[in-house]
Every structure is written in structure tokens, then in C-alpha cells.
Amino acid sequence: MFASSIRSTRMTKAHKVSIAGIAAAGAAAVSLSLVPQSATAEVKAAPVVFDAAAGKPTTLQLDSQKTAIETQVQEAVKADAKVKSEAEAKAKLDAAAKKAVAETAVKERAAEETTASRTVAARTVAAPTAVTYPNNLDGWIREALAIMKKEGIPGTYDGLHRNIMRESSGNPLAINNWDINAQNGVPSKGLLQVIQPTFDAYHVDGTPFDLYHPVANIVAAANYAADRYGSIDNVFGAY
């Protein structure tokens, strides 16, 4: 009878200890459920310490465990916030780098387009309008002077005009059929009365190979005069 009573009393204490342990574990589980799902820190519940005499955790021990859990939760939240902050910072840096690359590409394309436009513009610039001269004595002399300048043949407008008026009176088809040259079969012809052998020897490329052509006649005569007299300006009579 006495032994049976003792066994009954022991079972009652064991049940109480189990119930207290289950309650403490439940409190820990509730505290753990407060940790954010994205937290990277691992929260570990401290082991529950039981009062051997009372068969349950002491109040001081429960408070200490609760504080430890709350501290771990706070650390987990901070770690999660740090991860998010670092991710956001990296995303901003990546976006800034992509933007810089895009802006550089735009500038390079703009520079290429500008260069291409300038190249096209340079190629499409209208060629200088060719200078035209009137088909008269003034025009013939001016055109001859332009060619003489290009070829380095000396002479002035006045020097050419003076000799032309003396030799042919400005007639490009004038011909001398009575002087010594005519008697030798090579009459003087054209504005400056040039004989064919002289024209052939002093003809300037770029002008027609025609003794009667006014410009060709003037330039060949000026070329001959430059070779023999230094310049057509130095001729004041038959030459």
C-alpha cells in the first residue's frame, strides 16, 4: 500500500516535468516563428534549463533564453537588411554601368554619322564653275593669259593687245601672202601672224592644234616671244 503510494507520487512529478518542458519548447517555437523568412542568420534556441527541485524552468532562465532568441532574431533581420541593401547597391551600379555604355555608344554613333555626313558633303560639293570667256578679242586675250599664267609664260594684256592690233587688227583669220615667209611657202597667219613651223614648235598643250584658233595662236606666239625676247611685252615690231 505504501509502495503503491510512492509510485503514484513519482508519476505525478514526471508528468509535471514533461508538461513544463513542452510548454517551454512551445514558447521557443513561437519565438522562432518571428524570424523573417529571408533572414540568412540561423536562430538557435538555447536549451531549456529545468529547476531540479521544482521540476520546471526558472523565471531567470526563461528570460535569458527569450533575450537570446530576440537578439538572434534582431541579428537575422539586420543581416537580411544588409543583404538587400548590398543587392540594391549592386543593381544601381550595374544600371549606371549599362547607362554609361549606352551613352558612349550613342556618342560614338553620333560622331560616326557626323564624320560620314562631312565626307558626303565634301564629295558632293559642287565643282567650281568653269570660267567662260566671250568669243571676241577681249575674251581671247584673257583666256590666253589664264593659260600663260598656268604654264609660266610671261606677258600682259597690254603687250598682247598692242602686238595683235599691229599684226592683224584683231582678225583671227588674217593671212600675209606677200612677205618673205609667204614667198617661202609658209605665210604668217592668225592674230599674231605666226608661221606654221613656229606654231608647231611652240604650241602649248591644252590648246587646239590649229594655227587659226585665236587662243592657240596667241599662246604659241607668246611662248615663242618669251623664248626669243624674254616676253611678248618686249616686242614692238615684226618679230
C-alpha atoms as a PDB file:
ATOM      1  CA  MET A   1       0.000   0.000   0.000  1.00  0.00           C
ATOM      2  CA  PHE A   2       2.814   2.401   0.937  1.00  0.00           C
ATOM      3  CA  ALA A   3       4.914   1.445  -2.085  1.00  0.00           C
ATOM      4  CA  SER A   4       1.988   1.979  -4.375  1.00  0.00           C
ATOM      5  CA  SER A   5       1.520   5.478  -2.978  1.00  0.00           C
ATOM      6  CA  ILE A   6       5.169   6.367  -3.662  1.00  0.00           C
ATOM      7  CA  ARG A   7       4.939   5.217  -7.272  1.00  0.00           C
ATOM      8  CA  SER A   8       1.845   7.314  -7.709  1.00  0.00           C
ATOM      9  CA  THR A   9       3.589  10.381  -6.364  1.00  0.00           C
ATOM     10  CA  ARG A  10       6.649   9.923  -8.684  1.00  0.00           C
ATOM     11  CA  MET A  11       4.499   9.627 -11.766  1.00  0.00           C
ATOM     12  CA  THR A  12       2.741  12.785 -10.862  1.00  0.00           C
ATOM     13  CA  LYS A  13       6.056  14.726 -10.717  1.00  0.00           C
ATOM     14  CA  ALA A  14       7.272  13.246 -14.004  1.00  0.00           C
ATOM     15  CA  HIS A  15       4.104  14.327 -15.700  1.00  0.00           C
ATOM     16  CA  LYS A  16       4.587  17.833 -14.360  1.00  0.00           C
ATOM     17  CA  VAL A  17       8.151  17.976 -15.667  1.00  0.00           C
ATOM     18  CA  SER A  18       7.031  16.817 -19.139  1.00  0.00           C
ATOM     19  CA  ILE A  19       4.283  19.368 -19.254  1.00  0.00           C
ATOM     20  CA  ALA A  20       6.687  22.179 -18.261  1.00  0.00           C
ATOM     21  CA  GLY A  21       9.191  21.062 -20.907  1.00  0.00           C
ATOM     22  CA  ILE A  22       6.535  21.006 -23.599  1.00  0.00           C
ATOM     23  CA  ALA A  23       5.407  24.497 -22.621  1.00  0.00           C
ATOM     24  CA  ALA A  24       8.957  25.876 -22.802  1.00  0.00           C
ATOM     25  CA  ALA A  25       9.521  24.242 -26.179  1.00  0.00           C
ATOM     26  CA  GLY A  26       6.300  25.746 -27.431  1.00  0.00           C
ATOM     27  CA  ALA A  27       7.428  29.202 -26.334  1.00  0.00           C
ATOM     28  CA  ALA A  28      10.667  28.749 -28.194  1.00  0.00           C
ATOM     29  CA  ALA A  29       8.817  27.652 -31.338  1.00  0.00           C
ATOM     30  CA  VAL A  30       6.597  30.728 -31.142  1.00  0.00           C
ATOM     31  CA  SER A  31       9.649  32.985 -30.820  1.00  0.00           C
ATOM     32  CA  LEU A  32      11.336  31.294 -33.781  1.00  0.00           C
ATOM     33  CA  SER A  33       8.294  31.920 -35.966  1.00  0.00           C
ATOM     34  CA  LEU A  34       9.024  35.665 -35.652  1.00  0.00           C
ATOM     35  CA  VAL A  35      12.207  35.347 -37.733  1.00  0.00           C
ATOM     36  CA  PRO A  36      11.766  36.733 -41.336  1.00  0.00           C
ATOM     37  CA  GLN A  37      11.737  34.035 -43.997  1.00  0.00           C
ATOM     38  CA  SER A  38      14.504  35.878 -45.959  1.00  0.00           C
ATOM     39  CA  ALA A  39      16.845  36.126 -42.964  1.00  0.00           C
ATOM     40  CA  THR A  40      20.186  34.499 -43.551  1.00  0.00           C
ATOM     41  CA  ALA A  41      21.176  34.173 -39.881  1.00  0.00           C
ATOM     42  CA  GLU A  42      20.287  30.902 -38.207  1.00  0.00           C
ATOM     43  CA  VAL A  43      18.425  31.228 -34.930  1.00  0.00           C
ATOM     44  CA  LYS A  44      19.037  28.506 -32.408  1.00  0.00           C
ATOM     45  CA  ALA A  45      17.009  28.202 -29.253  1.00  0.00           C
ATOM     46  CA  ALA A  46      19.051  27.861 -26.104  1.00  0.00           C
ATOM     47  CA  PRO A  47      18.403  24.641 -24.230  1.00  0.00           C
ATOM     48  CA  VAL A  48      15.746  24.922 -21.565  1.00  0.00           C
ATOM     49  CA  VAL A  49      17.120  24.555 -18.084  1.00  0.00           C
ATOM     50  CA  PHE A  50      14.815  22.979 -15.530  1.00  0.00           C
ATOM     51  CA  ASP A  51      14.755  23.622 -11.873  1.00  0.00           C
ATOM     52  CA  ALA A  52      15.630  20.204 -10.481  1.00  0.00           C
ATOM     53  CA  ALA A  53      13.777  20.930  -7.268  1.00  0.00           C
ATOM     54  CA  ALA A  54      10.658  22.441  -8.773  1.00  0.00           C
ATOM     55  CA  GLY A  55      10.705  20.324 -11.928  1.00  0.00           C
ATOM     56  CA  LYS A  56      10.302  23.368 -14.246  1.00  0.00           C
ATOM     57  CA  PRO A  57      12.465  26.136 -15.837  1.00  0.00           C
ATOM     58  CA  THR A  58      13.276  29.048 -13.552  1.00  0.00           C
ATOM     59  CA  THR A  59      11.993  32.525 -14.434  1.00  0.00           C
ATOM     60  CA  LEU A  60      15.572  33.849 -14.822  1.00  0.00           C
ATOM     61  CA  GLN A  61      16.436  31.064 -17.225  1.00  0.00           C
ATOM     62  CA  LEU A  62      13.340  31.658 -19.351  1.00  0.00           C
ATOM     63  CA  ASP A  63      14.054  35.395 -19.541  1.00  0.00           C
ATOM     64  CA  SER A  64      17.655  34.702 -20.562  1.00  0.00           C
ATOM     65  CA  GLN A  65      16.551  32.312 -23.304  1.00  0.00           C
ATOM     66  CA  LYS A  66      13.923  34.758 -24.506  1.00  0.00           C
ATOM     67  CA  THR A  67      16.510  37.550 -24.678  1.00  0.00           C
ATOM     68  CA  ALA A  68      18.930  35.334 -26.617  1.00  0.00           C
ATOM     69  CA  ILE A  69      16.214  34.418 -29.124  1.00  0.00           C
ATOM     70  CA  GLU A  70      15.179  38.048 -29.567  1.00  0.00           C
ATOM     71  CA  THR A  71      18.828  39.031 -30.089  1.00  0.00           C
ATOM     72  CA  GLN A  72      19.233  36.347 -32.754  1.00  0.00           C
ATOM     73  CA  VAL A  73      16.034  37.477 -34.436  1.00  0.00           C
ATOM     74  CA  GLN A  74      17.264  41.075 -34.494  1.00  0.00           C
ATOM     75  CA  GLU A  75      20.614  39.977 -35.913  1.00  0.00           C
ATOM     76  CA  ALA A  76      18.846  37.931 -38.574  1.00  0.00           C
ATOM     77  CA  VAL A  77      16.710  40.933 -39.528  1.00  0.00           C
ATOM     78  CA  LYS A  78      19.819  43.131 -39.737  1.00  0.00           C
ATOM     79  CA  ALA A  79      21.621  40.541 -41.869  1.00  0.00           C
ATOM     80  CA  ASP A  80      18.638  40.314 -44.179  1.00  0.00           C
ATOM     81  CA  ALA A  81      18.516  44.110 -44.471  1.00  0.00           C
ATOM     82  CA  LYS A  82      22.247  44.201 -45.218  1.00  0.00           C
ATOM     83  CA  VAL A  83      21.868  41.615 -47.980  1.00  0.00           C
ATOM     84  CA  LYS A  84      19.011  43.587 -49.514  1.00  0.00           C
ATOM     85  CA  SER A  85      20.997  46.856 -49.267  1.00  0.00           C
ATOM     86  CA  GLU A  86      24.030  45.304 -50.931  1.00  0.00           C
ATOM     87  CA  ALA A  87      21.836  43.840 -53.672  1.00  0.00           C
ATOM     88  CA  GLU A  88      20.214  47.228 -54.294  1.00  0.00           C
ATOM     89  CA  ALA A  89      23.609  48.946 -54.388  1.00  0.00           C
ATOM     90  CA  LYS A  90      24.914  46.379 -56.877  1.00  0.00           C
ATOM     91  CA  ALA A  91      21.798  46.805 -59.015  1.00  0.00           C
ATOM     92  CA  LYS A  92      22.322  50.581 -59.048  1.00  0.00           C
ATOM     93  CA  LEU A  93      25.974  50.177 -60.042  1.00  0.00           C
ATOM     94  CA  ASP A  94      25.039  47.744 -62.822  1.00  0.00           C
ATOM     95  CA  ALA A  95      22.353  50.130 -64.077  1.00  0.00           C
ATOM     96  CA  ALA A  96      24.811  53.053 -64.024  1.00  0.00           C
ATOM     97  CA  ALA A  97      27.398  50.995 -65.927  1.00  0.00           C
ATOM     98  CA  LYS A  98      24.827  49.976 -68.562  1.00  0.00           C
ATOM     99  CA  LYS A  99      23.705  53.592 -68.900  1.00  0.00           C
ATOM    100  CA  ALA A 100      27.304  54.761 -69.367  1.00  0.00           C
ATOM    101  CA  VAL A 101      27.891  52.107 -72.035  1.00  0.00           C
ATOM    102  CA  ALA A 102      24.693  53.110 -73.830  1.00  0.00           C
ATOM    103  CA  GLU A 103      25.591  56.818 -73.709  1.00  0.00           C
ATOM    104  CA  THR A 104      29.080  56.087 -75.036  1.00  0.00           C
ATOM    105  CA  ALA A 105      27.596  54.055 -77.882  1.00  0.00           C
ATOM    106  CA  VAL A 106      25.222  56.903 -78.730  1.00  0.00           C
ATOM    107  CA  LYS A 107      28.077  59.417 -78.780  1.00  0.00           C
ATOM    108  CA  GLU A 108      30.205  57.141 -80.958  1.00  0.00           C
ATOM    109  CA  ARG A 109      27.344  56.674 -83.418  1.00  0.00           C
ATOM    110  CA  ALA A 110      26.755  60.421 -83.494  1.00  0.00           C
ATOM    111  CA  ALA A 111      30.454  61.022 -84.167  1.00  0.00           C
ATOM    112  CA  GLU A 112      30.457  58.416 -86.942  1.00  0.00           C
ATOM    113  CA  GLU A 113      27.343  59.939 -88.505  1.00  0.00           C
ATOM    114  CA  THR A 114      28.882  63.414 -88.333  1.00  0.00           C
ATOM    115  CA  THR A 115      32.068  62.177 -89.982  1.00  0.00           C
ATOM    116  CA  ALA A 116      30.074  60.364 -92.652  1.00  0.00           C
ATOM    117  CA  SER A 117      27.959  63.467 -93.289  1.00  0.00           C
ATOM    118  CA  ARG A 118      31.042  65.627 -93.659  1.00  0.00           C
ATOM    119  CA  THR A 119      32.587  63.099 -96.018  1.00  0.00           C
ATOM    120  CA  VAL A 120      29.454  63.012 -98.148  1.00  0.00           C
ATOM    121  CA  ALA A 121      29.238  66.791 -98.085  1.00  0.00           C
ATOM    122  CA  ALA A 122      32.871  67.075 -99.172  1.00  0.00           C
ATOM    123  CA  ARG A 123      32.258  64.662-102.025  1.00  0.00           C
ATOM    124  CA  THR A 124      29.107  66.399-103.155  1.00  0.00           C
ATOM    125  CA  VAL A 125      30.458  69.919-103.120  1.00  0.00           C
ATOM    126  CA  ALA A 126      29.709  71.373-106.495  1.00  0.00           C
ATOM    127  CA  ALA A 127      32.729  71.617-108.723  1.00  0.00           C
ATOM    128  CA  PRO A 128      33.845  75.173-109.411  1.00  0.00           C
ATOM    129  CA  THR A 129      32.010  76.615-112.350  1.00  0.00           C
ATOM    130  CA  ALA A 130      34.265  76.682-115.380  1.00  0.00           C
ATOM    131  CA  VAL A 131      35.253  80.201-116.385  1.00  0.00           C
ATOM    132  CA  THR A 132      33.840  81.177-119.711  1.00  0.00           C
ATOM    133  CA  TYR A 133      35.191  83.927-121.935  1.00  0.00           C
ATOM    134  CA  PRO A 134      33.377  85.941-124.578  1.00  0.00           C
ATOM    135  CA  ASN A 135      34.090  84.979-128.151  1.00  0.00           C
ATOM    136  CA  ASN A 136      35.822  88.240-129.058  1.00  0.00           C
ATOM    137  CA  LEU A 137      39.289  89.772-128.907  1.00  0.00           C
ATOM    138  CA  ASP A 138      38.993  90.683-125.237  1.00  0.00           C
ATOM    139  CA  GLY A 139      37.854  87.140-124.340  1.00  0.00           C
ATOM    140  CA  TRP A 140      40.598  85.547-126.432  1.00  0.00           C
ATOM    141  CA  ILE A 141      43.321  87.616-124.780  1.00  0.00           C
ATOM    142  CA  ARG A 142      42.002  86.907-121.248  1.00  0.00           C
ATOM    143  CA  GLU A 143      41.741  83.187-121.889  1.00  0.00           C
ATOM    144  CA  ALA A 144      45.247  83.146-123.346  1.00  0.00           C
ATOM    145  CA  LEU A 145      46.567  84.998-120.281  1.00  0.00           C
ATOM    146  CA  ALA A 146      44.997  82.372-117.963  1.00  0.00           C
ATOM    147  CA  ILE A 147      46.765  79.590-119.865  1.00  0.00           C
ATOM    148  CA  MET A 148      50.026  81.538-119.978  1.00  0.00           C
ATOM    149  CA  LYS A 149      49.894  82.039-116.204  1.00  0.00           C
ATOM    150  CA  LYS A 150      49.370  78.317-115.659  1.00  0.00           C
ATOM    151  CA  GLU A 151      52.266  77.459-117.977  1.00  0.00           C
ATOM    152  CA  GLY A 152      54.610  80.148-116.657  1.00  0.00           C
ATOM    153  CA  ILE A 153      54.718  82.145-119.905  1.00  0.00           C
ATOM    154  CA  PRO A 154      55.291  85.890-119.303  1.00  0.00           C
ATOM    155  CA  GLY A 155      53.141  88.592-120.867  1.00  0.00           C
ATOM    156  CA  THR A 156      50.453  91.170-120.108  1.00  0.00           C
ATOM    157  CA  TYR A 157      47.129  92.123-121.575  1.00  0.00           C
ATOM    158  CA  ASP A 158      48.553  95.367-122.954  1.00  0.00           C
ATOM    159  CA  GLY A 159      51.568  93.627-124.524  1.00  0.00           C
ATOM    160  CA  LEU A 160      49.348  91.091-126.281  1.00  0.00           C
ATOM    161  CA  HIS A 161      46.728  93.583-127.383  1.00  0.00           C
ATOM    162  CA  ARG A 162      49.317  96.020-128.780  1.00  0.00           C
ATOM    163  CA  ASN A 163      51.039  93.372-130.901  1.00  0.00           C
ATOM    164  CA  ILE A 164      47.765  91.822-132.105  1.00  0.00           C
ATOM    165  CA  MET A 165      46.445  95.144-133.343  1.00  0.00           C
ATOM    166  CA  ARG A 166      49.708  95.790-135.215  1.00  0.00           C
ATOM    167  CA  GLU A 167      49.917  92.330-136.764  1.00  0.00           C
ATOM    168  CA  SER A 168      46.263  91.539-137.687  1.00  0.00           C
ATOM    169  CA  SER A 169      43.998  94.340-136.422  1.00  0.00           C
ATOM    170  CA  GLY A 170      42.295  91.672-134.318  1.00  0.00           C
ATOM    171  CA  ASN A 171      41.298  89.391-137.205  1.00  0.00           C
ATOM    172  CA  PRO A 172      41.942  85.714-136.290  1.00  0.00           C
ATOM    173  CA  LEU A 173      41.745  84.716-139.998  1.00  0.00           C
ATOM    174  CA  ALA A 174      44.287  87.281-141.216  1.00  0.00           C
ATOM    175  CA  ILE A 175      46.982  85.911-143.548  1.00  0.00           C
ATOM    176  CA  ASN A 176      50.042  87.554-145.140  1.00  0.00           C
ATOM    177  CA  ASN A 177      50.551  86.374-148.711  1.00  0.00           C
ATOM    178  CA  TRP A 178      53.269  88.833-149.814  1.00  0.00           C
ATOM    179  CA  ASP A 179      56.209  88.849-147.299  1.00  0.00           C
ATOM    180  CA  ILE A 180      59.297  86.639-147.379  1.00  0.00           C
ATOM    181  CA  ASN A 181      57.558  83.915-145.411  1.00  0.00           C
ATOM    182  CA  ALA A 182      54.770  83.778-147.984  1.00  0.00           C
ATOM    183  CA  GLN A 183      57.364  83.670-150.770  1.00  0.00           C
ATOM    184  CA  ASN A 184      58.914  80.667-148.980  1.00  0.00           C
ATOM    185  CA  GLY A 185      55.537  78.948-148.855  1.00  0.00           C
ATOM    186  CA  VAL A 186      54.847  79.441-145.149  1.00  0.00           C
ATOM    187  CA  PRO A 187      52.707  82.581-144.871  1.00  0.00           C
ATOM    188  CA  SER A 188      52.081  84.223-141.485  1.00  0.00           C
ATOM    189  CA  LYS A 189      48.581  83.574-140.157  1.00  0.00           C
ATOM    190  CA  GLY A 190      46.225  84.476-137.330  1.00  0.00           C
ATOM    191  CA  LEU A 191      46.062  87.199-134.688  1.00  0.00           C
ATOM    192  CA  LEU A 192      49.809  87.374-134.129  1.00  0.00           C
ATOM    193  CA  GLN A 193      50.829  86.315-137.649  1.00  0.00           C
ATOM    194  CA  VAL A 194      52.620  83.096-136.766  1.00  0.00           C
ATOM    195  CA  ILE A 195      54.057  80.786-139.417  1.00  0.00           C
ATOM    196  CA  GLN A 196      53.268  77.081-139.242  1.00  0.00           C
ATOM    197  CA  PRO A 197      56.785  75.856-138.267  1.00  0.00           C
ATOM    198  CA  THR A 198      56.887  78.334-135.361  1.00  0.00           C
ATOM    199  CA  PHE A 199      53.389  77.338-134.231  1.00  0.00           C
ATOM    200  CA  ASP A 200      54.300  73.655-134.367  1.00  0.00           C
ATOM    201  CA  ALA A 201      57.459  74.250-132.292  1.00  0.00           C
ATOM    202  CA  TYR A 202      55.855  76.479-129.629  1.00  0.00           C
ATOM    203  CA  HIS A 203      52.321  75.115-129.431  1.00  0.00           C
ATOM    204  CA  VAL A 204      51.122  74.758-125.826  1.00  0.00           C
ATOM    205  CA  ASP A 205      49.332  71.586-124.808  1.00  0.00           C
ATOM    206  CA  GLY A 206      45.719  72.167-123.840  1.00  0.00           C
ATOM    207  CA  THR A 207      45.039  74.473-126.757  1.00  0.00           C
ATOM    208  CA  PRO A 208      43.746  73.360-130.174  1.00  0.00           C
ATOM    209  CA  PHE A 209      46.435  72.422-132.663  1.00  0.00           C
ATOM    210  CA  ASP A 210      45.052  74.957-135.109  1.00  0.00           C
ATOM    211  CA  LEU A 211      47.069  77.942-136.306  1.00  0.00           C
ATOM    212  CA  TYR A 212      43.891  79.936-136.924  1.00  0.00           C
ATOM    213  CA  HIS A 213      42.461  79.287-133.450  1.00  0.00           C
ATOM    214  CA  PRO A 214      42.730  82.689-131.705  1.00  0.00           C
ATOM    215  CA  VAL A 215      43.730  81.423-128.252  1.00  0.00           C
ATOM    216  CA  ALA A 216      46.118  78.776-129.575  1.00  0.00           C
ATOM    217  CA  ASN A 217      47.689  81.386-131.866  1.00  0.00           C
ATOM    218  CA  ILE A 218      48.180  83.926-129.043  1.00  0.00           C
ATOM    219  CA  VAL A 219      49.663  81.414-126.584  1.00  0.00           C
ATOM    220  CA  ALA A 220      52.084  79.917-129.148  1.00  0.00           C
ATOM    221  CA  ALA A 221      53.223  83.397-130.247  1.00  0.00           C
ATOM    222  CA  ALA A 222      53.707  84.491-126.596  1.00  0.00           C
ATOM    223  CA  ASN A 223      55.665  81.285-125.908  1.00  0.00           C
ATOM    224  CA  TYR A 224      57.920  81.988-128.906  1.00  0.00           C
ATOM    225  CA  ALA A 225      58.396  85.651-127.922  1.00  0.00           C
ATOM    226  CA  ALA A 226      59.288  84.625-124.343  1.00  0.00           C
ATOM    227  CA  ASP A 227      61.925  82.241-125.676  1.00  0.00           C
ATOM    228  CA  ARG A 228      63.449  84.786-128.084  1.00  0.00           C
ATOM    229  CA  TYR A 229      62.784  88.200-126.465  1.00  0.00           C
ATOM    230  CA  GLY A 230      62.004  87.402-122.830  1.00  0.00           C
ATOM    231  CA  SER A 231      58.334  88.384-123.154  1.00  0.00           C
ATOM    232  CA  ILE A 232      55.772  89.438-125.721  1.00  0.00           C
ATOM    233  CA  ASP A 233      55.791  92.762-123.897  1.00  0.00           C
ATOM    234  CA  ASN A 234      59.297  93.347-125.293  1.00  0.00           C
ATOM    235  CA  VAL A 235      58.134  93.079-128.929  1.00  0.00           C
ATOM    236  CA  PHE A 236      57.409  96.397-130.659  1.00  0.00           C
ATOM    237  CA  GLY A 237      57.694  95.417-134.339  1.00  0.00           C
ATOM    238  CA  ALA A 238      57.923  92.491-136.689  1.00  0.00           C
ATOM    239  CA  TYR A 239      59.327  89.519-134.865  1.00  0.00           C
END
